[in-house]
C-alpha atoms as a PDB file:
ATOM      1  CA  MET A   1      15.445   6.517 -19.298  1.00  0.00           C
ATOM      2  CA  MET A   2      16.811   2.978 -18.987  1.00  0.00           C
ATOM      3  CA  LYS A   3      19.888   4.282 -17.145  1.00  0.00           C
ATOM      4  CA  MET A   4      17.719   6.161 -14.639  1.00  0.00           C
ATOM      5  CA  GLN A   5      15.608   3.048 -13.995  1.00  0.00           C
ATOM      6  CA  ARG A   6      18.769   0.944 -13.616  1.00  0.00           C
ATOM      7  CA  LYS A   7      20.286   3.412 -11.146  1.00  0.00           C
ATOM      8  CA  ARG A   8      17.004   3.505  -9.191  1.00  0.00           C
ATOM      9  CA  SER A   9      16.924  -0.326  -9.028  1.00  0.00           C
ATOM     10  CA  ILE A  10      20.551  -0.441  -7.831  1.00  0.00           C
ATOM     11  CA  LYS A  11      19.807   2.206  -5.193  1.00  0.00           C
ATOM     12  CA  ARG A  12      16.803   0.236  -3.907  1.00  0.00           C
ATOM     13  CA  GLY A  13      18.876  -2.931  -3.793  1.00  0.00           C
ATOM     14  CA  ILE A  14      21.633  -1.253  -1.773  1.00  0.00           C
ATOM     15  CA  ILE A  15      19.152   0.277   0.671  1.00  0.00           C
ATOM     16  CA  SER A  16      17.298  -3.040   1.060  1.00  0.00           C
ATOM     17  CA  GLY A  17      20.555  -4.866   1.712  1.00  0.00           C
ATOM     18  CA  MET A  18      21.613  -2.318   4.333  1.00  0.00           C
ATOM     19  CA  LEU A  19      18.273  -2.637   6.105  1.00  0.00           C
ATOM     20  CA  PHE A  20      18.627  -6.418   6.287  1.00  0.00           C
ATOM     21  CA  LEU A  21      22.193  -6.097   7.621  1.00  0.00           C
ATOM     22  CA  PHE A  22      21.194  -3.677  10.369  1.00  0.00           C
ATOM     23  CA  LEU A  23      17.972  -5.499  11.291  1.00  0.00           C
ATOM     24  CA  PRO A  24      19.433  -7.617  14.159  1.00  0.00           C
ATOM     25  CA  LEU A  25      21.007  -4.540  15.756  1.00  0.00           C
ATOM     26  CA  LEU A  26      17.867  -2.509  16.060  1.00  0.00           C
ATOM     27  CA  ALA A  27      14.491  -2.993  17.687  1.00  0.00           C
ATOM     28  CA  SER A  28       9.775  -2.793  17.432  1.00  0.00           C
ATOM     29  CA  ALA A  29       6.078  -2.722  18.299  1.00  0.00           C
ATOM     30  CA  GLN A  30       2.824  -1.061  17.294  1.00  0.00           C
ATOM     31  CA  TRP A  31       0.654   1.741  18.273  1.00  0.00           C
ATOM     32  CA  PHE A  32       0.101   4.407  15.681  1.00  0.00           C
ATOM     33  CA  MET A  33       1.413   2.930  12.421  1.00  0.00           C
ATOM     34  CA  LEU A  34       3.512  -0.103  13.262  1.00  0.00           C
ATOM     35  CA  GLN A  35       2.241  -3.596  13.988  1.00  0.00           C
ATOM     36  CA  GLU A  36       0.901  -4.558  17.431  1.00  0.00           C
ATOM     37  CA  TRP A  37       3.048  -7.042  19.359  1.00  0.00           C
ATOM     38  CA  PRO A  38       1.473 -10.094  21.041  1.00  0.00           C
ATOM     39  CA  GLY A  39       0.496  -9.805  24.709  1.00  0.00           C
ATOM     40  CA  ASP A  40      -0.847 -12.223  27.312  1.00  0.00           C
ATOM     41  CA  ARG A  41      -4.299 -10.560  27.371  1.00  0.00           C
ATOM     42  CA  THR A  42      -6.856 -10.074  24.619  1.00  0.00           C
ATOM     43  CA  ARG A  43      -6.793  -6.516  23.297  1.00  0.00           C
ATOM     44  CA  ILE A  44      -9.517  -4.821  21.282  1.00  0.00           C
ATOM     45  CA  THR A  45      -8.434  -1.553  19.678  1.00  0.00           C
ATOM     46  CA  LEU A  46     -10.450   1.144  17.933  1.00  0.00           C
ATOM     47  CA  LYS A  47      -8.391   3.673  15.970  1.00  0.00           C
ATOM     48  CA  PHE A  48      -9.676   6.793  14.221  1.00  0.00           C
ATOM     49  CA  LEU A  49      -7.721   9.000  11.801  1.00  0.00           C
ATOM     50  CA  HIS A  50      -9.176  12.378  10.825  1.00  0.00           C
ATOM     51  CA  PRO A  51      -7.442  13.817   7.732  1.00  0.00           C
ATOM     52  CA  ASN A  52      -6.686  17.498   7.305  1.00  0.00           C
ATOM     53  CA  LEU A  53      -7.521  18.221   3.669  1.00  0.00           C
ATOM     54  CA  ASP A  54      -5.718  20.708   1.450  1.00  0.00           C
ATOM     55  CA  GLN A  55      -8.377  23.427   1.074  1.00  0.00           C
ATOM     56  CA  THR A  56      -7.044  24.594  -2.299  1.00  0.00           C
ATOM     57  CA  TYR A  57      -7.267  21.095  -3.752  1.00  0.00           C
ATOM     58  CA  TYR A  58     -10.769  20.533  -2.344  1.00  0.00           C
ATOM     59  CA  TYR A  59     -12.076  24.045  -3.131  1.00  0.00           C
ATOM     60  CA  GLN A  60     -12.529  25.035   0.524  1.00  0.00           C
ATOM     61  CA  LYS A  61     -14.514  21.900   1.327  1.00  0.00           C
ATOM     62  CA  SER A  62     -13.907  20.175   4.666  1.00  0.00           C
ATOM     63  CA  LEU A  63     -14.734  16.784   6.074  1.00  0.00           C
ATOM     64  CA  SER A  64     -17.202  16.503   8.933  1.00  0.00           C
ATOM     65  CA  LEU A  65     -15.828  15.972  12.430  1.00  0.00           C
ATOM     66  CA  PHE A  66     -16.438  12.210  12.363  1.00  0.00           C
ATOM     67  CA  SER A  67     -15.263  11.596   8.786  1.00  0.00           C
ATOM     68  CA  GLY A  68     -12.044   9.684   8.284  1.00  0.00           C
ATOM     69  CA  ILE A  69     -10.663   6.197   8.773  1.00  0.00           C
ATOM     70  CA  TYR A  70     -11.926   3.816  11.445  1.00  0.00           C
ATOM     71  CA  ASP A  71     -10.049   0.623  12.223  1.00  0.00           C
ATOM     72  CA  LEU A  72     -11.275  -2.066  14.630  1.00  0.00           C
ATOM     73  CA  SER A  73      -8.754  -4.762  15.572  1.00  0.00           C
ATOM     74  CA  ILE A  74      -8.312  -7.658  17.984  1.00  0.00           C
ATOM     75  CA  ASN A  75      -5.144  -9.362  19.212  1.00  0.00           C
ATOM     76  CA  THR A  76      -5.583 -12.448  21.399  1.00  0.00           C
ATOM     77  CA  PRO A  77      -3.270 -15.223  22.693  1.00  0.00           C
ATOM     78  CA  ILE A  78      -3.979 -18.730  21.377  1.00  0.00           C
ATOM     79  CA  TYR A  79      -0.908 -20.679  22.594  1.00  0.00           C
ATOM     80  CA  ASN A  80       1.884 -20.113  25.117  1.00  0.00           C
ATOM     81  CA  SER A  81       4.851 -22.471  25.523  1.00  0.00           C
ATOM     82  CA  ASN A  82       8.433 -21.178  25.488  1.00  0.00           C
ATOM     83  CA  GLY A  83       7.079 -18.177  23.641  1.00  0.00           C
ATOM     84  CA  ARG A  84       3.693 -16.724  22.788  1.00  0.00           C
ATOM     85  CA  VAL A  85       1.464 -17.254  19.764  1.00  0.00           C
ATOM     86  CA  ASN A  86      -1.305 -14.730  19.086  1.00  0.00           C
ATOM     87  CA  PHE A  87      -4.066 -14.352  16.540  1.00  0.00           C
ATOM     88  CA  GLU A  88      -4.801 -10.890  15.168  1.00  0.00           C
ATOM     89  CA  ALA A  89      -7.463  -9.403  12.918  1.00  0.00           C
ATOM     90  CA  SER A  90      -8.466  -5.921  11.814  1.00  0.00           C
ATOM     91  CA  PHE A  91     -11.240  -4.398   9.758  1.00  0.00           C
ATOM     92  CA  PRO A  92     -11.267  -0.761   8.523  1.00  0.00           C
ATOM     93  CA  ILE A  93     -13.885   1.519   7.033  1.00  0.00           C
ATOM     94  CA  ALA A  94     -13.524   5.049   5.652  1.00  0.00           C
ATOM     95  CA  ILE A  95     -16.247   7.713   5.823  1.00  0.00           C
ATOM     96  CA  ASN A  96     -16.198  10.636   3.391  1.00  0.00           C
ATOM     97  CA  SER A  97     -18.784  13.351   4.090  1.00  0.00           C
ATOM     98  CA  ILE A  98     -17.839  15.400   1.012  1.00  0.00           C
ATOM     99  CA  SER A  99     -19.024  12.736  -1.439  1.00  0.00           C
ATOM    100  CA  ASN A 100     -21.338  10.992   1.068  1.00  0.00           C
ATOM    101  CA  GLU A 101     -19.459   7.704   0.716  1.00  0.00           C
ATOM    102  CA  THR A 102     -18.595   4.895   3.089  1.00  0.00           C
ATOM    103  CA  MET A 103     -15.793   2.624   1.909  1.00  0.00           C
ATOM    104  CA  ARG A 104     -15.391  -0.872   3.343  1.00  0.00           C
ATOM    105  CA  GLY A 105     -11.755  -1.932   3.782  1.00  0.00           C
ATOM    106  CA  ASN A 106      -9.935  -5.237   3.423  1.00  0.00           C
ATOM    107  CA  LEU A 107     -10.070  -7.640   6.368  1.00  0.00           C
ATOM    108  CA  TYR A 108      -6.671  -8.625   7.820  1.00  0.00           C
ATOM    109  CA  LEU A 109      -5.990 -12.010   9.457  1.00  0.00           C
ATOM    110  CA  GLY A 110      -2.618 -12.958  10.909  1.00  0.00           C
ATOM    111  CA  ILE A 111      -0.598 -15.058  13.358  1.00  0.00           C
ATOM    112  CA  GLN A 112       2.245 -13.757  15.558  1.00  0.00           C
ATOM    113  CA  TRP A 113       4.959 -15.594  17.463  1.00  0.00           C
ATOM    114  CA  LYS A 114       6.981 -13.834  20.173  1.00  0.00           C
ATOM    115  CA  HIS A 115      10.319 -14.914  21.635  1.00  0.00           C
ATOM    116  CA  SER A 116      11.635 -13.081  24.719  1.00  0.00           C
ATOM    117  CA  ARG A 117      15.265 -12.809  25.845  1.00  0.00           C
ATOM    118  CA  LYS A 118      15.655 -10.658  28.970  1.00  0.00           C
ATOM    119  CA  LYS A 119      15.560  -7.076  27.627  1.00  0.00           C
ATOM    120  CA  ASN A 120      15.286  -8.017  23.947  1.00  0.00           C
ATOM    121  CA  ASN A 121      12.202  -9.433  22.252  1.00  0.00           C
ATOM    122  CA  SER A 122      11.719 -10.777  18.735  1.00  0.00           C
ATOM    123  CA  ILE A 123       8.428 -11.257  16.901  1.00  0.00           C
ATOM    124  CA  PHE A 124       7.688 -13.047  13.651  1.00  0.00           C
ATOM    125  CA  SER A 125       4.301 -12.639  11.973  1.00  0.00           C
ATOM    126  CA  VAL A 126       2.527 -13.858   8.846  1.00  0.00           C
ATOM    127  CA  GLY A 127      -0.798 -12.618   7.561  1.00  0.00           C
ATOM    128  CA  ALA A 128      -2.968 -11.566   4.670  1.00  0.00           C
ATOM    129  CA  TYR A 129      -5.462  -8.891   3.714  1.00  0.00           C
ATOM    130  CA  LEU A 130      -8.527 -10.508   2.143  1.00  0.00           C
ATOM    131  CA  PRO A 131     -10.329  -8.891  -0.826  1.00  0.00           C
ATOM    132  CA  THR A 132     -13.374  -7.784   1.181  1.00  0.00           C
ATOM    133  CA  GLY A 133     -13.105  -4.080   0.363  1.00  0.00           C
ATOM    134  CA  THR A 134     -15.308  -1.815  -1.710  1.00  0.00           C
ATOM    135  CA  ASP A 135     -13.809  -1.123  -5.153  1.00  0.00           C
ATOM    136  CA  ASP A 136     -16.027   1.710  -6.482  1.00  0.00           C
ATOM    137  CA  ARG A 137     -15.293   4.539  -4.016  1.00  0.00           C
ATOM    138  CA  TRP A 138     -12.533   6.412  -5.823  1.00  0.00           C
ATOM    139  CA  HIS A 139     -13.145   9.758  -4.091  1.00  0.00           C
ATOM    140  CA  THR A 140     -12.781   8.131  -0.681  1.00  0.00           C
ATOM    141  CA  PHE A 141      -9.756   6.081  -1.762  1.00  0.00           C
ATOM    142  CA  PHE A 142      -7.897   9.271  -2.710  1.00  0.00           C
ATOM    143  CA  ILE A 143      -8.477  10.540   0.839  1.00  0.00           C
ATOM    144  CA  ALA A 144      -7.789   7.276   2.695  1.00  0.00           C
ATOM    145  CA  MET A 145      -4.588   6.462   0.799  1.00  0.00           C
ATOM    146  CA  PRO A 146      -2.620   9.666   1.622  1.00  0.00           C
ATOM    147  CA  THR A 147      -4.062   9.757   5.151  1.00  0.00           C
ATOM    148  CA  ASP A 148      -2.501   6.398   6.056  1.00  0.00           C
ATOM    149  CA  PRO A 149      -0.236   5.421   3.119  1.00  0.00           C
ATOM    150  CA  ILE A 150       1.833   2.924   5.105  1.00  0.00           C
ATOM    151  CA  ASN A 151      -1.257   0.745   5.546  1.00  0.00           C
ATOM    152  CA  PHE A 152      -2.539   1.191   1.988  1.00  0.00           C
ATOM    153  CA  PRO A 153      -3.595  -2.523   1.583  1.00  0.00           C
ATOM    154  CA  LYS A 154      -6.476  -1.769   3.955  1.00  0.00           C
ATOM    155  CA  TYR A 155      -7.993   0.594   1.403  1.00  0.00           C
ATOM    156  CA  ALA A 156      -6.742  -0.908  -1.875  1.00  0.00           C
ATOM    157  CA  GLY A 157     -10.093  -2.434  -2.885  1.00  0.00           C
ATOM    158  CA  LYS A 158     -10.595  -6.072  -3.799  1.00  0.00           C
ATOM    159  CA  MET A 159      -6.982  -7.227  -3.649  1.00  0.00           C
ATOM    160  CA  TRP A 160      -5.053  -9.924  -1.822  1.00  0.00           C
ATOM    161  CA  ASP A 161      -2.031  -8.815   0.182  1.00  0.00           C
ATOM    162  CA  PHE A 162       0.335 -11.432   1.648  1.00  0.00           C
ATOM    163  CA  ARG A 163       3.088 -10.498   4.079  1.00  0.00           C
ATOM    164  CA  VAL A 164       5.721 -11.749   6.475  1.00  0.00           C
ATOM    165  CA  ASN A 165       7.168  -9.450   9.112  1.00  0.00           C
ATOM    166  CA  TYR A 166       9.996  -9.511  11.639  1.00  0.00           C
ATOM    167  CA  LEU A 167      10.065  -7.223  14.677  1.00  0.00           C
ATOM    168  CA  THR A 168      12.609  -6.803  17.421  1.00  0.00           C
ATOM    169  CA  TYR A 169      12.632  -4.321  20.292  1.00  0.00           C
ATOM    170  CA  ALA A 170      14.618  -3.619  23.446  1.00  0.00           C
ATOM    171  CA  SER A 171      13.882  -1.847  26.729  1.00  0.00           C
ATOM    172  CA  LEU A 172      16.562   0.437  28.158  1.00  0.00           C
ATOM    173  CA  GLY A 173      15.208   1.661  31.470  1.00  0.00           C
ATOM    174  CA  LYS A 174      12.480   4.183  30.698  1.00  0.00           C
ATOM    175  CA  PHE A 175      13.389   4.122  27.015  1.00  0.00           C
ATOM    176  CA  GLU A 176      12.330   1.620  24.379  1.00  0.00           C
ATOM    177  CA  LEU A 177      13.659   1.252  20.849  1.00  0.00           C
ATOM    178  CA  GLY A 178      12.181  -0.877  18.105  1.00  0.00           C
ATOM    179  CA  TYR A 179      12.512  -1.858  14.492  1.00  0.00           C
ATOM    180  CA  GLU A 180      10.442  -3.929  12.080  1.00  0.00           C
ATOM    181  CA  MET A 181      10.862  -5.129   8.532  1.00  0.00           C
ATOM    182  CA  GLY A 182       8.934  -7.364   6.167  1.00  0.00           C
ATOM    183  CA  LEU A 183       8.219  -8.502   2.663  1.00  0.00           C
ATOM    184  CA  ALA A 184       4.766  -8.156   1.103  1.00  0.00           C
ATOM    185  CA  MET A 185       2.905  -8.570  -2.163  1.00  0.00           C
ATOM    186  CA  SER A 186      -0.446  -7.113  -3.271  1.00  0.00           C
ATOM    187  CA  ILE A 187      -2.181  -9.103  -6.007  1.00  0.00           C
ATOM    188  CA  GLY A 188      -5.381  -8.355  -7.881  1.00  0.00           C
ATOM    189  CA  ASP A 189      -6.939  -6.667 -10.886  1.00  0.00           C
ATOM    190  CA  GLU A 190     -10.141  -5.239  -9.371  1.00  0.00           C
ATOM    191  CA  GLY A 191      -8.707  -2.870  -6.776  1.00  0.00           C
ATOM    192  CA  TYR A 192      -7.497   0.725  -6.885  1.00  0.00           C
ATOM    193  CA  ILE A 193      -3.841  -0.177  -7.520  1.00  0.00           C
ATOM    194  CA  GLU A 194      -1.909  -2.615  -9.688  1.00  0.00           C
ATOM    195  CA  SER A 195      -0.125  -5.674  -8.310  1.00  0.00           C
ATOM    196  CA  ILE A 196       3.159  -4.853  -6.562  1.00  0.00           C
ATOM    197  CA  ALA A 197       5.815  -6.476  -4.373  1.00  0.00           C
ATOM    198  CA  TYR A 198       7.215  -4.177  -1.713  1.00  0.00           C
ATOM    199  CA  LEU A 199       9.390  -3.951   1.384  1.00  0.00           C
ATOM    200  CA  PRO A 200       7.652  -2.381   4.447  1.00  0.00           C
ATOM    201  CA  TYR A 201       9.754  -1.186   7.375  1.00  0.00           C
ATOM    202  CA  GLY A 202       9.583   1.034  10.433  1.00  0.00           C
ATOM    203  CA  PHE A 203      11.261   2.008  13.660  1.00  0.00           C
ATOM    204  CA  TYR A 204      10.306   3.867  16.815  1.00  0.00           C
ATOM    205  CA  GLY A 205      11.547   5.372  20.037  1.00  0.00           C
ATOM    206  CA  ALA A 206       9.484   5.627  23.219  1.00  0.00           C
ATOM    207  CA  PHE A 207       9.904   7.156  26.666  1.00  0.00           C
ATOM    208  CA  ARG A 208       7.843   6.178  29.709  1.00  0.00           C
ATOM    209  CA  ALA A 209       6.978   8.852  32.283  1.00  0.00           C
ATOM    210  CA  GLY A 210       4.760   7.377  34.980  1.00  0.00           C
ATOM    211  CA  ASP A 211       1.527   6.146  33.409  1.00  0.00           C
ATOM    212  CA  PHE A 212       2.245   7.929  30.125  1.00  0.00           C
ATOM    213  CA  THR A 213       4.348   6.788  27.189  1.00  0.00           C
ATOM    214  CA  PHE A 214       5.554   9.263  24.580  1.00  0.00           C
ATOM    215  CA  ARG A 215       6.406   7.749  21.247  1.00  0.00           C
ATOM    216  CA  THR A 216       7.714   8.666  17.791  1.00  0.00           C
ATOM    217  CA  GLU A 217       7.402   6.350  14.785  1.00  0.00           C
ATOM    218  CA  LEU A 218       8.837   6.469  11.291  1.00  0.00           C
ATOM    219  CA  ALA A 219       7.452   3.939   8.812  1.00  0.00           C
ATOM    220  CA  GLY A 220       7.596   3.412   5.089  1.00  0.00           C
ATOM    221  CA  PHE A 221       8.022   0.999   2.209  1.00  0.00           C
ATOM    222  CA  PHE A 222       9.996   0.501  -1.011  1.00  0.00           C
ATOM    223  CA  VAL A 223       8.276  -0.850  -4.117  1.00  0.00           C
ATOM    224  CA  LEU A 224      10.425  -3.712  -5.403  1.00  0.00           C
ATOM    225  CA  LEU A 225       8.365  -4.916  -8.371  1.00  0.00           C
ATOM    226  CA  GLY A 226       5.316  -3.575 -10.174  1.00  0.00           C
ATOM    227  CA  ALA A 227       3.803  -0.218 -11.065  1.00  0.00           C
ATOM    228  CA  ALA A 228       4.854   2.821  -9.048  1.00  0.00           C
ATOM    229  CA  GLY A 229       4.733   6.562  -9.558  1.00  0.00           C
ATOM    230  CA  ASP A 230       1.438   6.345 -11.481  1.00  0.00           C
ATOM    231  CA  GLU A 231      -1.015   9.144 -10.626  1.00  0.00           C
ATOM    232  CA  ASP A 232      -3.917   6.727 -11.048  1.00  0.00           C
ATOM    233  CA  THR A 233      -2.619   4.418  -8.309  1.00  0.00           C
ATOM    234  CA  SER A 234      -1.140   6.963  -5.839  1.00  0.00           C
ATOM    235  CA  ILE A 235       1.659   4.482  -5.128  1.00  0.00           C
ATOM    236  CA  GLU A 236       5.101   6.063  -5.062  1.00  0.00           C
ATOM    237  CA  PRO A 237       8.365   4.063  -5.400  1.00  0.00           C
ATOM    238  CA  SER A 238       9.315   5.123  -1.872  1.00  0.00           C
ATOM    239  CA  THR A 239       6.886   6.344   0.801  1.00  0.00           C
ATOM    240  CA  ASN A 240       7.500   7.435   4.399  1.00  0.00           C
ATOM    241  CA  SER A 241       5.325   8.781   7.212  1.00  0.00           C
ATOM    242  CA  ILE A 242       6.004  10.000  10.733  1.00  0.00           C
ATOM    243  CA  ALA A 243       3.762   9.836  13.808  1.00  0.00           C
ATOM    244  CA  VAL A 244       4.185  11.450  17.230  1.00  0.00           C
ATOM    245  CA  GLY A 245       1.888  10.847  20.177  1.00  0.00           C
ATOM    246  CA  VAL A 246       1.220   9.762  23.737  1.00  0.00           C
ATOM    247  CA  ARG A 247      -0.639   6.909  25.404  1.00  0.00           C
ATOM    248  CA  TYR A 248      -2.039   6.536  28.890  1.00  0.00           C
ATOM    249  CA  GLY A 249      -1.017   3.025  29.941  1.00  0.00           C
ATOM    250  CA  ARG A 250      -2.817   2.206  33.177  1.00  0.00           C
ATOM    251  CA  GLY A 251      -5.986   0.183  33.654  1.00  0.00           C
ATOM    252  CA  SER A 252      -8.061  -1.795  31.184  1.00  0.00           C
ATOM    253  CA  ILE A 253      -8.911   1.178  28.933  1.00  0.00           C
ATOM    254  CA  ARG A 254      -5.893   2.889  27.390  1.00  0.00           C
ATOM    255  CA  PRO A 255      -6.422   5.992  25.234  1.00  0.00           C
ATOM    256  CA  SER A 256      -3.899   7.491  22.817  1.00  0.00           C
ATOM    257  CA  ILE A 257      -3.685  10.641  20.761  1.00  0.00           C
ATOM    258  CA  PHE A 258      -1.205  11.213  17.953  1.00  0.00           C
ATOM    259  CA  TYR A 259      -0.306  13.370  14.981  1.00  0.00           C
ATOM    260  CA  MET A 260       0.652  11.786  11.658  1.00  0.00           C
ATOM    261  CA  ARG A 261       2.140  13.280   8.504  1.00  0.00           C
ATOM    262  CA  CYS A 262       3.202  11.694   5.234  1.00  0.00           C
ATOM    263  CA  LEU A 263       6.745  12.767   4.307  1.00  0.00           C
ATOM    264  CA  THR A 264       6.296  11.934   0.619  1.00  0.00           C
ATOM    265  CA  LYS A 265       5.469  15.238  -1.077  1.00  0.00           C
ATOM    266  CA  GLU A 266       3.558  13.643  -3.968  1.00  0.00           C
ATOM    267  CA  LEU A 267       0.944  12.260  -1.552  1.00  0.00           C
ATOM    268  CA  ARG A 268       0.330  15.551   0.284  1.00  0.00           C
ATOM    269  CA  HIS A 269      -1.437  17.315  -2.584  1.00  0.00           C
ATOM    270  CA  ALA A 270      -4.839  16.366  -1.122  1.00  0.00           C
ATOM    271  CA  VAL A 271      -4.234  15.485   2.553  1.00  0.00           C
ATOM    272  CA  LYS A 272      -1.748  17.607   4.509  1.00  0.00           C
ATOM    273  CA  ASP A 273      -1.694  15.557   7.727  1.00  0.00           C
ATOM    274  CA  ALA A 274      -3.971  13.680  10.131  1.00  0.00           C
ATOM    275  CA  LEU A 275      -4.943  13.630  13.789  1.00  0.00           C
ATOM    276  CA  GLY A 276      -5.389  10.199  15.346  1.00  0.00           C
ATOM    277  CA  PHE A 277      -7.254   8.873  18.375  1.00  0.00           C
ATOM    278  CA  GLN A 278      -7.060   5.341  19.727  1.00  0.00           C
ATOM    279  CA  LEU A 279      -8.841   3.389  22.463  1.00  0.00           C
ATOM    280  CA  GLN A 280      -7.472   0.021  23.527  1.00  0.00           C
ATOM    281  CA  PHE A 281      -9.489  -2.325  25.763  1.00  0.00           C
ATOM    282  CA  LEU A 282      -7.637  -5.058  27.679  1.00  0.00           C
ATOM    283  CA  LEU A 283      -9.771  -8.084  28.553  1.00  0.00           C
ATOM    284  CA  LYS A 284      -9.052 -10.515  31.372  1.00  0.00           C
END
């Protein structure tokens, strides 16, 4: 047992080191799963994820059409001099029609700084999830967690989550490539999971065709310290998800639709995949 744990720790260390080495060579941004980059206009975004439940696990029960995860966020510039500094905040709720529950999520507050160099852009961000969430909605947690596992701190109950993140992305004509990586820690004893330190990461590729942008994202995290693999927490040592979708990018209202699926088999026993919708409003 000790040998297996030691080998697993060595493997994580090697993978983490490789990611840090390759970080400057790759590139990032947000839409579906990854973090939003700072812009020169205030953006208000409403995102909705509707999970597709495993009917065997839920005994042929289905969620109502408007059940799922709602996330309201704002990203606004606060300073611009040789770069751009933005403030961002988001607040999620989850609605579960099967158990007639509404679960309040943890509020996120953060600051971003963007540095542009011709075709390449780098972004550094710091932020925290505040323990504002509901901690007695276990049925809804076990739907919200596998629906959007990469953003699990939103639904983790009354826990603090501190994080730093580095993003870099490059435009190559109609193509765009991006990469992000960070370090985070969830702390608390009243939430749905135990305290952990983990390494979130993600990358994407996008193609612009007129007013439409088609995009694929892969995002995940490695648990570095703390409990993992416990059925009661639904946190696996390594978790990955993929999202594919399209956004209409003209005007002040920009809709998106996307499909998301968790690639970690252990988290698909209840939720097979999810369909996402997003509306972004650009203010003057």
